[in-house]
Amino acid sequence: MKYPEYCPLLKLEDVDDNLPFQIRTFKSMREEIIAHNSTPHKQNYIEIIWITKGSGSLVLDLEIFNLESNSIFCITPGQLHQLREDESTEGFILSFTEAFLHMGEQEFDLMYNSGLFQAFSRSAGIRVNNDIAREMQEVAQKMLKESNNVYLFRTEMLRRYLKIFLIYVTRQFQGPLTTVIQTRNLELTEKFKSLVEVNFKTHRKVADYAKLLAVTPNYLNEIIKKTTAYPASYHIRQRIILEAKRRVAYSDECMKEVAWYLGFSDIAHFSKFFKNATGITFSDFRKECLVITPA
């Protein structure tokens, strides 16, 4: 049985086929923000939301976060979200693909894997201090100007400005440079998480991912727990539960349909799995979702 997608998917190529990058201000895209966020949606690109002034809220995978001045939020491909901002809110929205970010520079790949988005994996929002905010504002203005011209090497200029911008974000939460060993551990962690994202419906055992990564299950568990404070099995289980929660909140699928979609042939097993992981029954969670996602 094939299930329809329960939320719209926005694609960056729908905006600009030639450049997988976009930066805009809240003021310039107010109507578009309202239109896109009338319902929860997901996208096939990374989006950085930087609130420089004002307030609002961001619903990100059923969690509600308050928007405050000098706060930055990162939305990764596939995350369900809905932005609700006040009319007076000011700031920037940067949209780009991972391919655009990584293109051409191995040293930046190391920085990316050694923690650029590690903070966002622990907390959806980061507060920026005033000194760094001023530096970021200058870079953002340069990106805006560069994105509107037609000069030679425009794409390369934008990529370099974006990397500088993200380095400032990294400095906000990262201390001294990580060691080579830490970097390798984080690289393995990111590869593991990427595999879980693709295979969580069919691969539920740590051994499945250890085989794909050419390491032993014990070693994989040790590294994942060292970098995230949780064992590999926890991340597999949480990804399954996240998808179940999404489908409960944003579709009218019953428990049987959700269970089948996630690869559970035994409905009773899925019901027990859901309650053990969330501490609440499937039906009670659906009632709670009515508060978060009102009609």
Protein backbone atom coordinates (compact mmCIF):
# COMPACT_ATOMS: atom_id res chain seq x y z
CA MET A 1 0.00 0.00 0.00
CA LYS A 2 1.45 3.36 -1.04
CA TYR A 3 0.79 6.30 1.25
CA PRO A 4 0.49 9.87 -0.06
CA GLU A 5 2.83 12.55 1.22
CA TYR A 6 1.02 14.21 4.10
CA CYS A 7 2.72 17.64 3.85
CA PRO A 8 3.89 19.71 0.87
CA LEU A 9 7.56 19.61 -0.14
CA LEU A 10 9.23 22.87 -1.16
CA LYS A 11 12.17 22.63 -3.56
CA LEU A 12 14.90 25.22 -3.97
CA GLU A 13 15.07 24.53 -7.71
CA ASP A 14 11.50 25.80 -7.98
CA VAL A 15 12.89 29.23 -7.11
CA ASP A 16 16.12 29.31 -9.12
CA ASP A 17 17.29 26.47 -11.38
CA ASN A 18 20.76 27.97 -11.81
CA LEU A 19 21.72 28.74 -8.22
CA PRO A 20 21.05 26.41 -5.24
CA PHE A 21 21.28 29.36 -2.84
CA GLN A 22 19.01 32.19 -1.82
CA ILE A 23 19.09 34.94 0.80
CA ARG A 24 16.16 37.24 1.49
CA THR A 25 14.92 39.52 4.22
CA PHE A 26 11.70 38.99 6.16
CA LYS A 27 10.47 42.33 4.86
CA SER A 28 10.95 41.39 1.19
CA MET A 29 9.15 38.04 1.49
CA ARG A 30 6.41 38.76 4.03
CA GLU A 31 3.57 37.57 1.77
CA GLU A 32 5.50 34.48 0.70
CA ILE A 33 6.21 33.54 4.32
CA ILE A 34 2.50 33.74 5.10
CA ALA A 35 1.58 31.66 2.02
CA HIS A 36 4.19 28.94 2.58
CA ASN A 37 3.44 28.65 6.27
CA SER A 38 -0.33 28.39 6.09
CA THR A 39 0.24 24.68 6.75
CA PRO A 40 3.25 22.68 8.01
CA HIS A 41 5.63 21.78 5.20
CA LYS A 42 9.06 20.33 4.52
CA GLN A 43 11.78 21.14 2.02
CA ASN A 44 14.70 19.52 0.19
CA TYR A 45 17.29 22.09 1.31
CA ILE A 46 18.83 23.64 4.43
CA GLU A 47 17.28 26.83 5.74
CA ILE A 48 18.85 29.22 8.25
CA ILE A 49 16.41 31.64 9.89
CA TRP A 50 18.04 34.59 11.63
CA ILE A 51 15.78 36.87 13.65
CA THR A 52 17.51 40.23 14.13
CA LYS A 53 14.49 41.97 15.63
CA GLY A 54 10.95 41.00 16.62
CA SER A 55 9.25 37.83 17.76
CA GLY A 56 7.09 34.92 16.71
CA SER A 57 7.19 31.14 16.90
CA LEU A 58 8.50 28.18 14.96
CA VAL A 59 6.79 24.78 15.06
CA LEU A 60 9.52 22.25 14.25
CA ASP A 61 8.57 18.58 14.28
CA LEU A 62 5.79 19.19 16.81
CA GLU A 63 7.95 21.31 19.14
CA ILE A 64 7.18 25.01 19.52
CA PHE A 65 10.12 27.43 19.77
CA ASN A 66 9.85 31.14 20.52
CA LEU A 67 11.53 33.52 18.10
CA GLU A 68 13.57 36.25 19.77
CA SER A 69 15.96 38.97 18.61
CA ASN A 70 19.38 37.65 17.59
CA SER A 71 18.25 34.02 17.52
CA ILE A 72 19.15 31.62 14.73
CA PHE A 73 17.29 28.45 13.76
CA CYS A 74 18.38 25.73 11.36
CA ILE A 75 15.86 23.64 9.42
CA THR A 76 17.31 20.58 7.70
CA PRO A 77 15.89 18.71 4.67
CA GLY A 78 12.76 16.75 5.53
CA GLN A 79 11.93 18.47 8.82
CA LEU A 80 8.29 19.49 9.16
CA HIS A 81 7.93 23.09 10.20
CA GLN A 82 5.67 26.12 10.27
CA LEU A 83 6.90 29.68 10.83
CA ARG A 84 4.66 32.21 12.55
CA GLU A 85 6.25 35.66 12.71
CA ASP A 86 4.92 39.06 13.73
CA GLU A 87 4.57 41.80 11.13
CA SER A 88 7.35 43.77 12.79
CA THR A 89 9.85 40.89 12.69
CA GLU A 90 13.11 41.61 10.88
CA GLY A 91 15.88 39.29 9.80
CA PHE A 92 17.19 37.03 7.07
CA ILE A 93 16.32 33.64 5.62
CA LEU A 94 19.16 31.74 3.92
CA SER A 95 18.29 28.71 1.78
CA PHE A 96 20.89 26.41 0.23
CA THR A 97 21.62 22.80 -0.61
CA GLU A 98 24.29 20.69 1.08
CA ALA A 99 26.00 20.28 -2.30
CA PHE A 100 26.33 24.06 -2.65
CA LEU A 101 27.82 24.31 0.83
CA HIS A 102 30.39 21.54 0.41
CA MET A 103 31.48 22.25 -3.14
CA GLY A 104 35.19 22.64 -3.65
CA GLU A 105 36.77 22.90 -0.21
CA GLN A 106 37.78 19.86 1.84
CA GLU A 107 38.79 21.92 4.87
CA PHE A 108 35.26 23.27 5.16
CA ASP A 109 33.90 19.72 4.98
CA LEU A 110 36.06 18.98 8.03
CA MET A 111 34.65 21.97 9.87
CA TYR A 112 31.12 20.98 8.89
CA ASN A 113 31.60 17.41 10.14
CA SER A 114 33.44 18.53 13.27
CA GLY A 115 30.50 20.44 14.63
CA LEU A 116 29.05 23.17 12.41
CA PHE A 117 25.52 21.85 12.84
CA GLN A 118 26.15 19.80 15.99
CA ALA A 119 24.62 22.53 18.14
CA PHE A 120 21.47 22.55 16.04
CA SER A 121 21.14 18.80 16.58
CA ARG A 122 21.00 19.45 20.33
CA SER A 123 18.89 22.60 20.24
CA ALA A 124 16.94 24.05 17.35
CA GLY A 125 17.85 27.63 18.25
CA ILE A 126 21.09 29.48 19.01
CA ARG A 127 21.40 32.96 20.53
CA VAL A 128 23.99 35.26 18.96
CA ASN A 129 25.82 37.90 20.98
CA ASN A 130 25.80 41.51 19.78
CA ASP A 131 29.42 41.58 18.62
CA ILE A 132 29.06 38.53 16.39
CA ALA A 133 25.64 39.75 15.21
CA ARG A 134 27.21 42.95 13.85
CA GLU A 135 29.79 40.95 11.89
CA MET A 136 27.10 38.61 10.56
CA GLN A 137 24.95 41.56 9.52
CA GLU A 138 27.76 42.88 7.32
CA VAL A 139 28.22 39.49 5.66
CA ALA A 140 24.46 39.08 5.15
CA GLN A 141 24.25 42.47 3.43
CA LYS A 142 27.13 41.49 1.14
CA MET A 143 25.30 38.26 0.25
CA LEU A 144 22.14 40.23 -0.56
CA LYS A 145 24.07 42.57 -2.84
CA GLU A 146 25.97 39.76 -4.54
CA SER A 147 22.84 37.68 -5.12
CA ASN A 148 21.31 40.53 -7.12
CA ASN A 149 24.19 41.09 -9.53
CA VAL A 150 25.23 39.28 -12.73
CA TYR A 151 28.99 39.59 -12.45
CA LEU A 152 31.57 36.88 -13.02
CA PHE A 153 32.12 34.35 -10.19
CA ARG A 154 28.85 35.31 -8.50
CA THR A 155 28.23 31.75 -7.31
CA GLU A 156 31.71 31.42 -5.81
CA MET A 157 31.43 34.76 -4.03
CA LEU A 158 28.10 33.74 -2.50
CA ARG A 159 29.48 30.39 -1.39
CA ARG A 160 32.42 32.06 0.36
CA TYR A 161 30.22 34.65 2.06
CA LEU A 162 27.92 31.85 3.23
CA LYS A 163 30.84 29.93 4.71
CA ILE A 164 32.06 33.04 6.53
CA PHE A 165 28.54 33.57 7.88
CA LEU A 166 28.37 29.97 9.14
CA ILE A 167 31.83 30.23 10.70
CA TYR A 168 30.52 33.12 12.82
CA VAL A 169 27.61 30.91 13.89
CA THR A 170 30.03 28.10 14.74
CA ARG A 171 32.13 30.40 16.91
CA GLN A 172 29.05 31.19 18.95
CA PHE A 173 28.89 27.70 20.41
CA GLN A 174 32.20 25.99 19.64
CA GLY A 175 35.33 26.30 21.75
CA PRO A 176 38.88 25.40 20.70
CA LEU A 177 39.43 23.40 17.53
CA THR A 178 38.51 19.75 17.86
CA THR A 179 41.20 17.09 17.65
CA VAL A 180 41.58 14.77 14.67
CA ILE A 181 40.12 11.89 16.71
CA GLN A 182 37.08 13.96 17.68
CA THR A 183 36.62 14.96 14.04
CA ARG A 184 36.69 11.33 12.89
CA ASN A 185 34.18 10.37 15.56
CA LEU A 186 31.86 13.17 14.47
CA GLU A 187 32.22 12.16 10.83
CA LEU A 188 31.16 8.61 11.69
CA THR A 189 28.26 9.99 13.71
CA GLU A 190 27.06 12.10 10.79
CA LYS A 191 27.33 9.15 8.40
CA PHE A 192 25.36 7.01 10.84
CA LYS A 193 22.62 9.64 11.18
CA SER A 194 22.41 10.00 7.39
CA LEU A 195 21.98 6.25 7.01
CA VAL A 196 19.30 6.18 9.70
CA GLU A 197 17.44 8.95 7.87
CA VAL A 198 17.31 6.84 4.71
CA ASN A 199 16.83 3.36 6.18
CA PHE A 200 14.90 3.72 9.45
CA LYS A 201 11.81 1.97 8.05
CA THR A 202 13.71 -1.19 7.10
CA HIS A 203 16.82 -1.22 9.34
CA ARG A 204 16.10 -1.24 13.07
CA LYS A 205 19.20 -2.97 14.42
CA VAL A 206 22.55 -1.38 15.24
CA ALA A 207 24.21 -4.29 13.44
CA ASP A 208 22.51 -3.24 10.18
CA TYR A 209 24.17 0.17 10.29
CA ALA A 210 27.49 -1.18 11.55
CA LYS A 211 27.63 -3.39 8.47
CA LEU A 212 26.91 -0.44 6.16
CA LEU A 213 29.65 1.57 7.87
CA ALA A 214 32.15 -1.32 7.92
CA VAL A 215 32.59 -1.23 11.71
CA THR A 216 31.53 -3.53 14.54
CA PRO A 217 28.24 -2.89 16.37
CA ASN A 218 30.10 -2.39 19.67
CA TYR A 219 32.45 0.18 18.14
CA LEU A 220 29.56 2.05 16.51
CA ASN A 221 27.66 2.15 19.79
CA GLU A 222 30.75 3.37 21.64
CA ILE A 223 31.40 6.25 19.21
CA ILE A 224 27.76 7.32 18.92
CA LYS A 225 27.37 7.38 22.70
CA LYS A 226 30.62 9.33 23.05
CA THR A 227 29.53 12.06 20.61
CA THR A 228 25.81 12.26 21.42
CA ALA A 229 25.48 10.84 24.96
CA TYR A 230 23.02 8.23 23.63
CA PRO A 231 23.63 4.77 22.11
CA ALA A 232 23.02 4.10 18.42
CA SER A 233 19.82 2.16 19.16
CA TYR A 234 18.33 5.27 20.77
CA HIS A 235 18.75 7.30 17.56
CA ILE A 236 17.22 4.55 15.42
CA ARG A 237 14.24 4.28 17.76
CA GLN A 238 13.77 8.06 17.97
CA ARG A 239 13.76 8.44 14.18
CA ILE A 240 11.01 5.83 13.87
CA ILE A 241 9.00 7.55 16.60
CA LEU A 242 9.50 10.97 15.01
CA GLU A 243 8.03 9.73 11.73
CA ALA A 244 5.14 8.12 13.59
CA LYS A 245 4.44 11.40 15.41
CA ARG A 246 4.56 13.36 12.16
CA ARG A 247 2.00 11.09 10.55
CA VAL A 248 -0.25 11.19 13.59
CA ALA A 249 -0.16 14.99 13.72
CA TYR A 250 -0.37 15.83 10.03
CA SER A 251 -2.46 13.05 8.48
CA ASP A 252 -5.66 11.19 9.24
CA GLU A 253 -3.96 7.78 9.13
CA CYS A 254 -5.03 5.31 11.80
CA MET A 255 -2.56 3.38 13.95
CA LYS A 256 -2.68 0.39 11.60
CA GLU A 257 -1.73 2.54 8.60
CA VAL A 258 1.10 4.28 10.44
CA ALA A 259 2.42 0.93 11.67
CA TRP A 260 2.40 -0.56 8.17
CA TYR A 261 4.12 2.50 6.73
CA LEU A 262 6.91 2.08 9.28
CA GLY A 263 7.32 -1.62 8.55
CA PHE A 264 5.46 -3.08 11.54
CA SER A 265 3.29 -6.04 10.54
CA ASP A 266 2.18 -6.63 14.14
CA ILE A 267 -0.03 -3.73 15.27
CA ALA A 268 0.16 -4.76 18.93
CA HIS A 269 3.96 -4.68 18.73
CA PHE A 270 3.89 -1.19 17.23
CA SER A 271 1.46 0.01 19.90
CA LYS A 272 3.79 -1.25 22.64
CA PHE A 273 6.84 0.19 20.85
CA PHE A 274 5.18 3.61 20.60
CA LYS A 275 4.12 3.72 24.26
CA ASN A 276 7.50 2.51 25.54
CA ALA A 277 9.29 5.21 23.56
CA THR A 278 6.92 8.11 24.29
CA GLY A 279 5.31 7.21 27.61
CA ILE A 280 1.87 7.75 26.10
CA THR A 281 -0.56 5.69 24.03
CA PHE A 282 -1.06 6.30 20.31
CA SER A 283 -4.63 7.58 20.79
CA ASP A 284 -3.69 9.89 23.67
CA PHE A 285 -0.84 11.35 21.61
CA ARG A 286 -3.27 12.08 18.77
CA LYS A 287 -5.46 14.03 21.21
CA GLU A 288 -2.44 16.05 22.36
CA CYS A 289 -1.57 16.89 18.76
CA LEU A 290 -4.85 18.74 18.36
CA VAL A 291 -3.43 21.39 20.71
CA ILE A 292 -0.19 21.78 18.72
CA THR A 293 -1.72 21.54 15.25
CA PRO A 294 -5.17 23.09 15.42
CA ALA A 295 -7.39 22.86 12.37
